[in-house]
Amino acid sequence: MSDYQNHISIKAWAEEDRPREKLSGQGRRSLTDAELIAILIGSGSRDESAVELSKRILHHYENDLNKLGKASITELCRFKGVGEAKAISIIAALEIGRRRNETESKPPEEVKGSNDVFKLMRRHLMDLNHEEFWIVLLSRSSKVLSKELVSRGGISGTVADPKIIFYMALQQQASAIILIHNHPSGNLKPSQLDIELTKKVANAGKMLDINVLDHLIITDKGFFSFADEGLL
């Protein structure tokens, strides 16, 4: 595609090169990421087409859809030609894609190990720009009773109150709990605070006869299990 074609309105392109017509005539897989995003955006501006704008956005995120998927409405609105409606369309479409990926494998209904916990919780914690602390409540037979959000924090951390954790566990009559939180930085190594909190909650659980089976740290690339590493 020539530079000249890039700088004229999409309406002036050959029909087979327009994103919507290309998808209709050649199928969804014939389109580039930029062309798919251009369909979401709908229109560009006097200075650039929707495809050009999409290429600029993708370039900013290193052509990585996972990085684009973490962008906020405010961040996307900083691009000239992107208003709130267009930003919301992009975010919604990428979130649908993420959820589709998650539903390809059904989350486990019972927990037999750390990998089951990861499968159960990753959809809640991946692609976040802030920390969240969750617990999974289990029955005596390791069936999942519920997943509960305990606290939400900033980029650098969140605070989990053991009193709230065990209040939730007692309400559900849980026999065991698993602690989970994410590290938006991507660092899987537990902090000293993570280690201290885990010990504190585990000791409190012994008093109440509620076993703390594990504590997972989840990032976009994987997880760290306190139990697997012998830290619990």
Protein backbone atom coordinates (compact mmCIF):
# COMPACT_ATOMS: atom_id res chain seq x y z
CA MET A 1 0.00 0.00 0.00
CA SER A 2 1.56 3.32 -1.05
CA ASP A 3 2.16 6.36 1.19
CA TYR A 4 -0.30 8.25 -1.01
CA GLN A 5 -3.00 5.69 -0.28
CA ASN A 6 -2.29 5.95 3.47
CA HIS A 7 -2.93 9.70 3.44
CA ILE A 8 -6.26 9.79 1.66
CA SER A 9 -9.70 8.99 3.00
CA ILE A 10 -10.58 5.29 3.30
CA LYS A 11 -13.64 6.02 1.15
CA ALA A 12 -11.28 6.77 -1.74
CA TRP A 13 -9.45 3.44 -1.40
CA ALA A 14 -10.13 0.55 -3.74
CA GLU A 15 -13.11 -1.29 -2.28
CA GLU A 16 -11.10 -4.48 -1.63
CA ASP A 17 -8.64 -2.47 0.51
CA ARG A 18 -11.23 -0.87 2.79
CA PRO A 19 -11.28 -2.65 6.17
CA ARG A 20 -15.03 -3.31 6.33
CA GLU A 21 -15.27 -4.45 2.72
CA LYS A 22 -12.09 -6.48 3.08
CA LEU A 23 -13.53 -8.35 6.08
CA SER A 24 -16.80 -8.96 4.23
CA GLY A 25 -15.14 -10.14 1.04
CA GLN A 26 -11.96 -11.85 2.25
CA GLY A 27 -12.78 -12.90 5.80
CA ARG A 28 -11.79 -11.67 9.24
CA ARG A 29 -8.32 -13.23 9.17
CA SER A 30 -7.29 -11.25 6.11
CA LEU A 31 -7.21 -8.02 8.16
CA THR A 32 -4.23 -6.66 10.04
CA ASP A 33 -4.56 -5.62 13.69
CA ALA A 34 -4.61 -1.99 12.58
CA GLU A 35 -7.43 -2.63 10.11
CA LEU A 36 -9.51 -4.41 12.77
CA ILE A 37 -9.04 -1.52 15.19
CA ALA A 38 -9.89 0.91 12.38
CA ILE A 39 -13.29 -0.79 12.07
CA LEU A 40 -13.85 -0.19 15.79
CA ILE A 41 -12.78 3.44 15.50
CA GLY A 42 -15.00 3.99 12.49
CA SER A 43 -13.43 7.20 11.23
CA GLY A 44 -10.20 9.12 11.32
CA SER A 45 -9.73 12.83 10.83
CA ARG A 46 -8.95 15.28 8.04
CA ASP A 47 -5.24 14.56 8.53
CA GLU A 48 -5.24 10.76 8.76
CA SER A 49 -7.43 7.77 8.05
CA ALA A 50 -8.78 5.42 10.70
CA VAL A 51 -6.15 2.87 9.67
CA GLU A 52 -3.34 5.42 10.07
CA LEU A 53 -4.66 6.38 13.49
CA SER A 54 -4.86 2.70 14.46
CA LYS A 55 -1.28 2.13 13.31
CA ARG A 56 -0.15 5.08 15.43
CA ILE A 57 -1.92 3.71 18.49
CA LEU A 58 -0.49 0.23 17.97
CA HIS A 59 3.01 1.61 17.43
CA HIS A 60 2.78 3.40 20.78
CA TYR A 61 2.02 0.06 22.45
CA GLU A 62 4.83 -1.70 20.55
CA ASN A 63 2.27 -3.48 18.32
CA ASP A 64 1.33 -5.59 21.35
CA LEU A 65 -2.42 -6.13 21.78
CA ASN A 66 -1.88 -7.27 25.37
CA LYS A 67 -0.33 -3.89 26.21
CA LEU A 68 -3.11 -2.07 24.35
CA GLY A 69 -5.62 -4.14 26.33
CA LYS A 70 -4.39 -2.53 29.55
CA ALA A 71 -4.87 1.04 28.30
CA SER A 72 -7.40 3.20 30.09
CA ILE A 73 -9.96 5.51 28.49
CA THR A 74 -7.87 8.51 29.56
CA GLU A 75 -4.72 7.09 27.96
CA LEU A 76 -6.43 6.36 24.64
CA CYS A 77 -8.07 9.79 24.55
CA ARG A 78 -4.59 11.35 24.50
CA PHE A 79 -4.25 10.26 20.87
CA LYS A 80 -5.43 12.98 18.52
CA GLY A 81 -8.59 11.74 16.84
CA VAL A 82 -9.67 9.45 19.68
CA GLY A 83 -12.58 10.57 21.84
CA GLU A 84 -14.21 8.78 24.74
CA ALA A 85 -16.61 6.80 22.51
CA LYS A 86 -13.80 5.45 20.33
CA ALA A 87 -11.67 4.63 23.37
CA ILE A 88 -14.55 2.71 24.95
CA SER A 89 -15.11 0.76 21.73
CA ILE A 90 -11.46 -0.35 21.63
CA ILE A 91 -11.41 -1.32 25.31
CA ALA A 92 -14.71 -3.22 25.07
CA ALA A 93 -13.60 -5.20 22.00
CA LEU A 94 -10.29 -6.22 23.56
CA GLU A 95 -12.06 -7.21 26.78
CA ILE A 96 -14.44 -9.44 24.82
CA GLY A 97 -11.42 -11.07 23.18
CA ARG A 98 -9.80 -11.63 26.56
CA ARG A 99 -12.97 -13.17 28.00
CA ARG A 100 -13.37 -15.43 24.98
CA ASN A 101 -9.85 -16.70 25.54
CA GLU A 102 -10.67 -17.41 29.18
CA THR A 103 -13.87 -19.33 28.40
CA GLU A 104 -12.08 -21.73 26.04
CA SER A 105 -11.08 -23.69 29.15
CA LYS A 106 -13.76 -23.96 31.82
CA PRO A 107 -12.52 -22.85 35.27
CA PRO A 108 -12.24 -25.76 37.71
CA GLU A 109 -15.03 -26.27 40.23
CA GLU A 110 -12.66 -27.78 42.75
CA VAL A 111 -9.05 -27.03 43.63
CA LYS A 112 -6.42 -29.75 43.60
CA GLY A 113 -3.34 -27.56 43.23
CA SER A 114 -1.91 -24.16 42.41
CA ASN A 115 -2.55 -24.52 38.66
CA ASP A 116 -6.27 -24.92 39.33
CA VAL A 117 -6.23 -21.69 41.35
CA PHE A 118 -4.44 -19.90 38.51
CA LYS A 119 -7.00 -21.09 35.96
CA LEU A 120 -9.80 -20.00 38.28
CA MET A 121 -8.46 -16.52 39.03
CA ARG A 122 -6.39 -15.30 36.08
CA ARG A 123 -9.36 -13.72 34.27
CA HIS A 124 -9.93 -11.49 37.30
CA LEU A 125 -6.33 -10.36 37.75
CA MET A 126 -4.62 -10.21 34.36
CA ASP A 127 -4.33 -6.91 32.44
CA LEU A 128 -4.85 -4.82 35.58
CA ASN A 129 -2.83 -1.66 36.23
CA HIS A 130 -3.49 -1.84 39.98
CA GLU A 131 -3.21 -4.50 42.67
CA GLU A 132 -6.17 -6.52 43.88
CA PHE A 133 -6.31 -9.03 46.72
CA TRP A 134 -8.75 -11.95 46.44
CA ILE A 135 -9.54 -15.10 48.34
CA VAL A 136 -10.95 -18.40 47.15
CA LEU A 137 -13.14 -20.13 49.74
CA LEU A 138 -13.25 -23.92 49.72
CA SER A 139 -15.41 -26.61 51.27
CA ARG A 140 -13.96 -29.58 53.16
CA SER A 141 -13.93 -31.54 49.88
CA SER A 142 -12.03 -28.69 48.10
CA LYS A 143 -15.08 -27.52 46.14
CA VAL A 144 -15.03 -23.82 45.30
CA LEU A 145 -17.61 -22.02 47.43
CA SER A 146 -16.88 -18.51 46.16
CA LYS A 147 -14.27 -16.02 44.98
CA GLU A 148 -14.16 -12.80 46.97
CA LEU A 149 -12.45 -9.47 46.32
CA VAL A 150 -10.92 -8.37 49.63
CA SER A 151 -9.27 -5.11 48.63
CA ARG A 152 -8.18 -2.98 45.68
CA GLY A 153 -5.08 -0.82 45.77
CA GLY A 154 -2.68 1.15 43.62
CA ILE A 155 0.17 0.21 41.32
CA SER A 156 2.57 -0.56 44.17
CA GLY A 157 0.34 -2.53 46.51
CA THR A 158 -2.87 -3.17 48.37
CA VAL A 159 -3.71 -3.88 52.00
CA ALA A 160 -5.51 -7.07 53.01
CA ASP A 161 -7.06 -7.10 56.48
CA PRO A 162 -7.10 -10.60 58.06
CA LYS A 163 -10.29 -9.68 59.94
CA ILE A 164 -12.11 -9.12 56.64
CA ILE A 165 -10.65 -12.31 55.16
CA PHE A 166 -11.89 -14.51 58.00
CA TYR A 167 -15.22 -12.69 58.25
CA MET A 168 -15.84 -13.70 54.63
CA ALA A 169 -14.64 -17.25 55.30
CA LEU A 170 -16.90 -17.68 58.34
CA GLN A 171 -19.92 -16.31 56.48
CA GLN A 172 -19.46 -19.00 53.81
CA GLN A 173 -18.59 -21.67 56.42
CA ALA A 174 -15.39 -22.33 54.49
CA SER A 175 -13.02 -25.06 55.63
CA ALA A 176 -10.04 -23.64 53.74
CA ILE A 177 -8.97 -20.49 51.94
CA ILE A 178 -6.44 -19.55 49.30
CA LEU A 179 -4.98 -16.06 49.08
CA ILE A 180 -4.39 -14.46 45.69
CA HIS A 181 -3.12 -11.11 44.54
CA ASN A 182 -1.55 -9.69 41.40
CA HIS A 183 1.65 -7.79 40.68
CA PRO A 184 1.01 -5.31 37.83
CA SER A 185 4.79 -4.85 37.52
CA GLY A 186 5.11 -8.43 36.27
CA ASN A 187 7.51 -9.32 39.09
CA LEU A 188 6.63 -12.76 40.47
CA LYS A 189 8.92 -12.50 43.49
CA PRO A 190 6.99 -12.04 46.78
CA SER A 191 7.79 -8.94 48.79
CA GLN A 192 8.62 -9.06 52.49
CA LEU A 193 5.12 -7.71 53.16
CA ASP A 194 3.63 -10.56 51.11
CA ILE A 195 5.57 -13.09 53.18
CA GLU A 196 4.63 -11.50 56.50
CA LEU A 197 0.94 -11.23 55.59
CA THR A 198 0.85 -14.88 54.50
CA LYS A 199 2.30 -16.03 57.81
CA LYS A 200 -0.07 -13.79 59.76
CA VAL A 201 -3.16 -15.08 57.96
CA ALA A 202 -1.99 -18.72 58.14
CA ASN A 203 -1.47 -18.45 61.92
CA ALA A 204 -4.89 -16.85 62.38
CA GLY A 205 -6.43 -19.64 60.32
CA LYS A 206 -5.04 -22.27 62.66
CA MET A 207 -6.83 -20.60 65.58
CA LEU A 208 -10.14 -20.76 63.68
CA ASP A 209 -9.56 -24.22 62.18
CA ILE A 210 -9.59 -22.72 58.67
CA ASN A 211 -6.62 -23.91 56.63
CA VAL A 212 -4.73 -21.40 54.49
CA LEU A 213 -3.67 -23.72 51.69
CA ASP A 214 -1.74 -21.34 49.44
CA HIS A 215 -1.02 -17.78 48.41
CA LEU A 216 -0.64 -17.08 44.69
CA ILE A 217 0.94 -14.04 43.10
CA ILE A 218 -0.39 -13.67 39.56
CA THR A 219 1.05 -11.67 36.66
CA ASP A 220 0.21 -11.58 32.97
CA LYS A 221 2.90 -14.22 32.33
CA GLY A 222 2.34 -16.72 35.11
CA PHE A 223 2.11 -17.23 38.85
CA PHE A 224 4.10 -17.85 42.03
CA SER A 225 2.77 -20.31 44.61
CA PHE A 226 3.85 -20.06 48.25
CA ALA A 227 2.84 -23.69 48.80
CA ASP A 228 4.76 -24.98 45.77
CA GLU A 229 7.86 -23.11 46.90
CA GLY A 230 7.65 -24.41 50.47
CA LEU A 231 6.87 -21.00 51.97
CA LEU A 232 3.61 -22.04 53.60
